[in-house]
């Protein structure tokens, strides 16, 4: 990212502020930081913590609730210019894994909707109403699970007797029809698929990728961490498209991945891939 004193950097996935702290420290003095997150609680808590920690460092800190896909509109509303850098971490922070039904590590209502998406169907709605064919498509496409048809059939059969309402109920159902092999729980890919479908995650990422040259100015950098192949493929292709058009150059040709020590310290990092891009001064793609 190479943030410099006096620069302007956006963290589009603020979360608990781990990356934000490293960025803000390098923008002082005189810099501007914009932190965005879909989770109102994260925006409030992290914003307050960062303001307390860095309030005397001479960095203008702004915080916004919403999707990073709407960054061009956020910049216009705040009369901010394109940034020197944009950072996106597409993983979920630990705080976001509780209270939304996103993980079967906790028995919670099967909701999965981010932020203000209450008008969208929840994961319970999908599991309860979608056809077997539609459920299989979602699990196969967004979960990349070869057991998609078997899982979809089991869900449709089970819901005729009782509505599936909680994360534990769904995880238990899947584990009965797809026995556990190795480290990965058999429900992991289905939960990922439902979360992506409920929140239109890939569409949001595609929108943001199409607007990169309106979010960051020429010479600025973009860094994105992905956690599964569907996200990474979109980022990889968009970065390659910009590079082929001479609108940008890759900071490194291959993604940076965690080493064994980092994975031992933080097992959730094992699937992370970091890609970075520097826009050309005359970007038109």
Protein backbone atom coordinates (compact mmCIF):
# COMPACT_ATOMS: atom_id res chain seq x y z
CA UNK A 1 0.00 0.00 0.00
CA UNK A 2 2.92 2.33 0.78
CA UNK A 3 0.84 4.98 2.63
CA UNK A 4 2.71 8.26 3.07
CA UNK A 5 2.34 11.20 5.50
CA UNK A 6 -0.31 13.53 4.16
CA UNK A 7 -1.82 10.86 1.90
CA UNK A 8 -5.40 9.63 1.60
CA UNK A 9 -6.15 5.91 2.01
CA UNK A 10 -9.45 4.02 2.17
CA UNK A 11 -10.00 0.84 4.17
CA UNK A 12 -13.19 -0.52 2.65
CA UNK A 13 -13.48 -3.39 5.15
CA UNK A 14 -12.78 -1.70 8.47
CA UNK A 15 -13.73 -4.57 10.79
CA UNK A 16 -11.83 -4.39 14.06
CA UNK A 17 -9.33 -1.90 12.68
CA UNK A 18 -6.22 -4.11 12.56
CA UNK A 19 -5.20 -2.97 9.10
CA UNK A 20 -6.52 0.53 9.71
CA UNK A 21 -4.09 1.06 12.58
CA UNK A 22 -1.11 0.26 10.38
CA UNK A 23 -2.39 2.57 7.64
CA UNK A 24 -3.27 5.52 9.88
CA UNK A 25 0.11 5.40 11.64
CA UNK A 26 1.79 5.93 8.27
CA UNK A 27 -0.53 8.75 7.13
CA UNK A 28 0.52 11.00 10.02
CA UNK A 29 0.84 13.88 10.00
CA UNK A 30 -1.66 15.54 7.71
CA UNK A 31 -3.23 12.49 6.09
CA UNK A 32 -6.83 11.44 5.56
CA UNK A 33 -8.30 8.03 6.31
CA UNK A 34 -11.74 6.74 5.33
CA UNK A 35 -12.92 3.53 7.01
CA UNK A 36 -15.99 1.75 5.63
CA UNK A 37 -17.83 -1.32 6.90
CA UNK A 38 -21.23 -2.97 6.42
CA UNK A 39 -21.48 -3.53 10.17
CA UNK A 40 -22.73 -0.45 12.03
CA UNK A 41 -21.34 -1.75 15.32
CA UNK A 42 -17.87 -2.17 13.80
CA UNK A 43 -17.97 1.35 12.37
CA UNK A 44 -18.95 2.83 15.74
CA UNK A 45 -16.67 0.79 18.00
CA UNK A 46 -13.64 0.80 15.73
CA UNK A 47 -14.12 4.45 14.85
CA UNK A 48 -14.19 5.41 18.52
CA UNK A 49 -11.13 3.29 19.30
CA UNK A 50 -9.11 4.71 16.40
CA UNK A 51 -10.12 8.27 17.24
CA UNK A 52 -8.91 7.75 20.80
CA UNK A 53 -5.68 6.08 19.72
CA UNK A 54 -4.71 8.40 16.87
CA UNK A 55 -6.63 11.59 17.68
CA UNK A 56 -3.45 13.53 18.41
CA UNK A 57 -1.53 12.31 15.37
CA UNK A 58 -2.86 14.88 12.92
CA UNK A 59 -4.79 12.46 10.69
CA UNK A 60 -8.29 13.31 9.51
CA UNK A 61 -10.32 10.16 10.19
CA UNK A 62 -13.70 9.58 8.56
CA UNK A 63 -15.96 6.56 8.99
CA UNK A 64 -18.95 5.38 6.97
CA UNK A 65 -21.46 2.56 7.19
CA UNK A 66 -22.12 0.77 3.93
CA UNK A 67 -20.69 -1.43 1.22
CA UNK A 68 -17.30 -0.79 -0.34
CA UNK A 69 -19.08 -1.20 -3.68
CA UNK A 70 -20.63 2.23 -3.06
CA UNK A 71 -17.31 4.02 -2.54
CA UNK A 72 -17.63 6.33 -5.59
CA UNK A 73 -20.90 7.68 -4.15
CA UNK A 74 -19.36 8.00 -0.67
CA UNK A 75 -16.48 10.03 -2.08
CA UNK A 76 -18.86 12.35 -3.93
CA UNK A 77 -21.08 12.84 -0.86
CA UNK A 78 -18.06 13.78 1.26
CA UNK A 79 -16.45 15.83 -1.52
CA UNK A 80 -13.34 13.70 -1.33
CA UNK A 81 -10.97 13.20 -4.26
CA UNK A 82 -9.86 9.78 -5.52
CA UNK A 83 -7.60 8.18 -2.95
CA UNK A 84 -3.91 7.31 -2.94
CA UNK A 85 -4.80 3.78 -1.90
CA UNK A 86 -7.63 1.32 -1.36
CA UNK A 87 -7.44 -1.71 0.90
CA UNK A 88 -10.02 -4.53 1.03
CA UNK A 89 -9.89 -7.58 3.28
CA UNK A 90 -12.75 -9.79 2.10
CA UNK A 91 -12.62 -12.11 5.11
CA UNK A 92 -14.95 -11.84 8.07
CA UNK A 93 -13.58 -10.50 11.33
CA UNK A 94 -14.07 -12.53 14.50
CA UNK A 95 -16.69 -10.06 15.74
CA UNK A 96 -18.75 -10.60 12.59
CA UNK A 97 -18.90 -14.37 13.07
CA UNK A 98 -21.34 -14.08 15.95
CA UNK A 99 -24.88 -12.78 15.93
CA UNK A 100 -25.58 -13.14 12.21
CA UNK A 101 -25.80 -16.88 11.75
CA UNK A 102 -22.69 -16.88 9.58
CA UNK A 103 -20.93 -19.73 11.32
CA UNK A 104 -22.00 -23.07 12.76
CA UNK A 105 -19.43 -22.60 15.54
CA UNK A 106 -22.31 -20.90 17.38
CA UNK A 107 -25.94 -22.06 17.40
CA UNK A 108 -27.78 -19.00 16.10
CA UNK A 109 -30.76 -18.15 13.88
CA UNK A 110 -29.90 -18.96 10.28
CA UNK A 111 -29.95 -15.39 8.97
CA UNK A 112 -26.61 -14.43 7.35
CA UNK A 113 -27.75 -10.99 6.13
CA UNK A 114 -25.15 -8.24 6.39
CA UNK A 115 -25.83 -4.72 7.56
CA UNK A 116 -29.10 -3.19 6.36
CA UNK A 117 -30.07 -6.04 4.08
CA UNK A 118 -33.15 -6.96 6.09
CA UNK A 119 -35.29 -6.62 2.97
CA UNK A 120 -33.40 -9.46 1.32
CA UNK A 121 -34.35 -13.11 1.86
CA UNK A 122 -32.43 -14.64 4.76
CA UNK A 123 -30.60 -17.95 4.63
CA UNK A 124 -33.60 -19.51 6.39
CA UNK A 125 -35.85 -18.21 3.61
CA UNK A 126 -33.59 -19.75 0.97
CA UNK A 127 -33.33 -23.08 2.75
CA UNK A 128 -37.08 -23.11 3.34
CA UNK A 129 -38.35 -22.01 -0.10
CA UNK A 130 -35.78 -22.58 -2.84
CA UNK A 131 -36.25 -25.60 -5.06
CA UNK A 132 -33.89 -28.55 -4.86
CA UNK A 133 -32.39 -27.51 -8.19
CA UNK A 134 -31.84 -23.93 -7.05
CA UNK A 135 -30.26 -25.00 -3.75
CA UNK A 136 -27.97 -27.40 -5.59
CA UNK A 137 -26.95 -24.63 -8.00
CA UNK A 138 -26.12 -22.24 -5.15
CA UNK A 139 -24.10 -24.81 -3.22
CA UNK A 140 -22.31 -26.08 -6.33
CA UNK A 141 -21.56 -22.60 -7.75
CA UNK A 142 -20.73 -20.61 -4.63
CA UNK A 143 -19.55 -23.44 -2.39
CA UNK A 144 -17.80 -25.42 -5.12
CA UNK A 145 -19.08 -28.52 -3.35
CA UNK A 146 -19.34 -31.75 -5.34
CA UNK A 147 -21.93 -32.98 -2.83
CA UNK A 148 -24.32 -30.14 -3.74
CA UNK A 149 -27.12 -32.34 -5.09
CA UNK A 150 -26.98 -34.66 -2.08
CA UNK A 151 -27.09 -31.75 0.37
CA UNK A 152 -29.92 -30.01 -1.50
CA UNK A 153 -31.97 -33.21 -1.57
CA UNK A 154 -31.49 -33.69 2.18
CA UNK A 155 -32.55 -30.10 2.91
CA UNK A 156 -35.72 -30.38 0.83
CA UNK A 157 -36.60 -33.71 2.45
CA UNK A 158 -35.96 -32.43 5.98
CA UNK A 159 -37.93 -29.20 5.61
CA UNK A 160 -41.14 -31.07 4.78
CA UNK A 161 -41.21 -32.18 8.40
CA UNK A 162 -39.76 -29.11 10.09
CA UNK A 163 -38.39 -25.73 9.06
CA UNK A 164 -34.61 -25.42 9.41
CA UNK A 165 -34.14 -22.34 11.58
CA UNK A 166 -30.69 -22.47 13.17
CA UNK A 167 -27.07 -22.90 12.15
CA UNK A 168 -26.72 -26.03 14.29
CA UNK A 169 -29.75 -27.66 12.66
CA UNK A 170 -28.38 -27.10 9.16
CA UNK A 171 -24.82 -28.15 10.04
CA UNK A 172 -26.07 -31.30 11.75
CA UNK A 173 -28.27 -32.19 8.76
CA UNK A 174 -25.35 -31.81 6.33
CA UNK A 175 -23.01 -33.82 8.54
CA UNK A 176 -25.48 -36.71 8.51
CA UNK A 177 -25.52 -36.94 4.71
CA UNK A 178 -21.88 -35.97 4.00
CA UNK A 179 -19.54 -37.63 6.50
CA UNK A 180 -16.60 -35.58 7.72
CA UNK A 181 -13.31 -36.24 5.94
CA UNK A 182 -10.19 -34.44 7.08
CA UNK A 183 -10.11 -31.03 8.73
CA UNK A 184 -12.95 -29.33 6.81
CA UNK A 185 -16.43 -29.66 8.28
CA UNK A 186 -18.83 -30.91 5.55
CA UNK A 187 -21.14 -27.90 6.13
CA UNK A 188 -18.40 -25.30 5.54
CA UNK A 189 -18.94 -24.94 1.80
CA UNK A 190 -22.72 -24.80 2.09
CA UNK A 191 -22.51 -22.02 4.68
CA UNK A 192 -20.14 -20.11 2.39
CA UNK A 193 -22.48 -20.58 -0.56
CA UNK A 194 -25.59 -19.40 1.32
CA UNK A 195 -23.73 -16.37 2.70
CA UNK A 196 -22.55 -15.36 -0.77
CA UNK A 197 -26.03 -15.79 -2.25
CA UNK A 198 -27.85 -13.96 0.55
CA UNK A 199 -25.55 -10.92 0.42
CA UNK A 200 -24.78 -10.88 -3.32
CA UNK A 201 -21.11 -10.86 -2.35
CA UNK A 202 -19.64 -11.54 -5.76
CA UNK A 203 -21.85 -8.90 -7.40
CA UNK A 204 -20.68 -6.38 -4.78
CA UNK A 205 -17.04 -7.26 -5.48
CA UNK A 206 -17.56 -6.99 -9.24
CA UNK A 207 -19.10 -3.54 -8.80
CA UNK A 208 -16.14 -2.36 -6.76
CA UNK A 209 -13.61 -3.82 -9.21
CA UNK A 210 -15.31 -2.02 -12.09
CA UNK A 211 -14.95 1.30 -10.22
CA UNK A 212 -11.31 1.03 -9.13
CA UNK A 213 -10.14 3.81 -11.43
CA UNK A 214 -12.83 6.11 -9.99
CA UNK A 215 -11.87 5.29 -6.40
CA UNK A 216 -8.07 5.55 -6.67
CA UNK A 217 -6.13 8.08 -8.74
CA UNK A 218 -3.26 7.38 -11.10
CA UNK A 219 -0.17 6.25 -9.24
CA UNK A 220 -2.28 4.97 -6.35
CA UNK A 221 -2.31 1.42 -5.10
CA UNK A 222 -5.01 -1.17 -4.48
CA UNK A 223 -4.51 -4.20 -2.24
CA UNK A 224 -7.13 -6.94 -1.82
CA UNK A 225 -7.08 -10.04 0.38
CA UNK A 226 -9.36 -12.87 -0.75
CA UNK A 227 -10.24 -16.11 1.03
CA UNK A 228 -11.73 -18.39 -1.63
CA UNK A 229 -11.20 -19.05 -5.30
CA UNK A 230 -14.37 -17.30 -6.51
CA UNK A 231 -13.26 -13.96 -5.05
CA UNK A 232 -9.65 -14.43 -6.04
CA UNK A 233 -10.57 -15.24 -9.65
CA UNK A 234 -12.51 -11.97 -9.99
CA UNK A 235 -9.67 -9.92 -8.51
CA UNK A 236 -7.02 -11.71 -10.58
CA UNK A 237 -8.91 -11.19 -13.84
CA UNK A 238 -9.68 -7.51 -13.20
CA UNK A 239 -6.09 -6.77 -12.23
CA UNK A 240 -4.86 -8.60 -15.34
CA UNK A 241 -7.32 -6.65 -17.49
CA UNK A 242 -6.04 -3.33 -16.17
CA UNK A 243 -2.42 -4.43 -16.64
CA UNK A 244 -3.02 -5.56 -20.25
CA UNK A 245 -4.58 -2.19 -21.02
CA UNK A 246 -1.48 -0.46 -19.58
CA UNK A 247 -3.77 1.19 -17.05
CA UNK A 248 -1.90 -0.42 -14.15
CA UNK A 249 0.93 -2.67 -13.20
CA UNK A 250 0.98 -5.54 -10.74
CA UNK A 251 2.96 -4.88 -7.58
CA UNK A 252 3.90 -8.56 -7.64
CA UNK A 253 3.04 -11.16 -10.28
CA UNK A 254 1.86 -13.90 -7.93
CA UNK A 255 -0.31 -13.43 -4.85
CA UNK A 256 1.32 -13.25 -1.44
CA UNK A 257 0.19 -16.12 0.79
CA UNK A 258 0.79 -16.83 4.50
CA UNK A 259 3.75 -18.95 5.50
CA UNK A 260 3.67 -21.89 7.93
CA UNK A 261 4.42 -19.71 10.96
CA UNK A 262 1.57 -17.32 10.21
CA UNK A 263 -0.85 -20.18 9.63
CA UNK A 264 0.12 -21.69 13.01
CA UNK A 265 -0.49 -18.34 14.71
CA UNK A 266 -3.71 -17.67 12.79
CA UNK A 267 -5.26 -20.80 11.23
CA UNK A 268 -7.97 -18.72 9.52
CA UNK A 269 -5.29 -17.14 7.32
CA UNK A 270 -4.49 -20.42 5.59
CA UNK A 271 -6.59 -19.68 2.48
CA UNK A 272 -5.75 -15.97 2.25
CA UNK A 273 -4.27 -14.47 -0.92
CA UNK A 274 -3.08 -10.87 -1.19
CA UNK A 275 -2.94 -9.19 -4.59
CA UNK A 276 -1.79 -5.62 -5.18
CA UNK A 277 -1.93 -3.23 -8.13
CA UNK A 278 -0.58 0.23 -8.90
CA UNK A 279 -2.62 2.33 -11.29
CA UNK A 280 -0.85 4.14 -14.11
CA UNK A 281 -0.95 7.92 -14.16
CA UNK A 282 -3.09 7.71 -17.30
CA UNK A 283 -5.55 4.95 -16.47
CA UNK A 284 -8.43 4.53 -18.88
CA UNK A 285 -9.49 0.87 -18.62
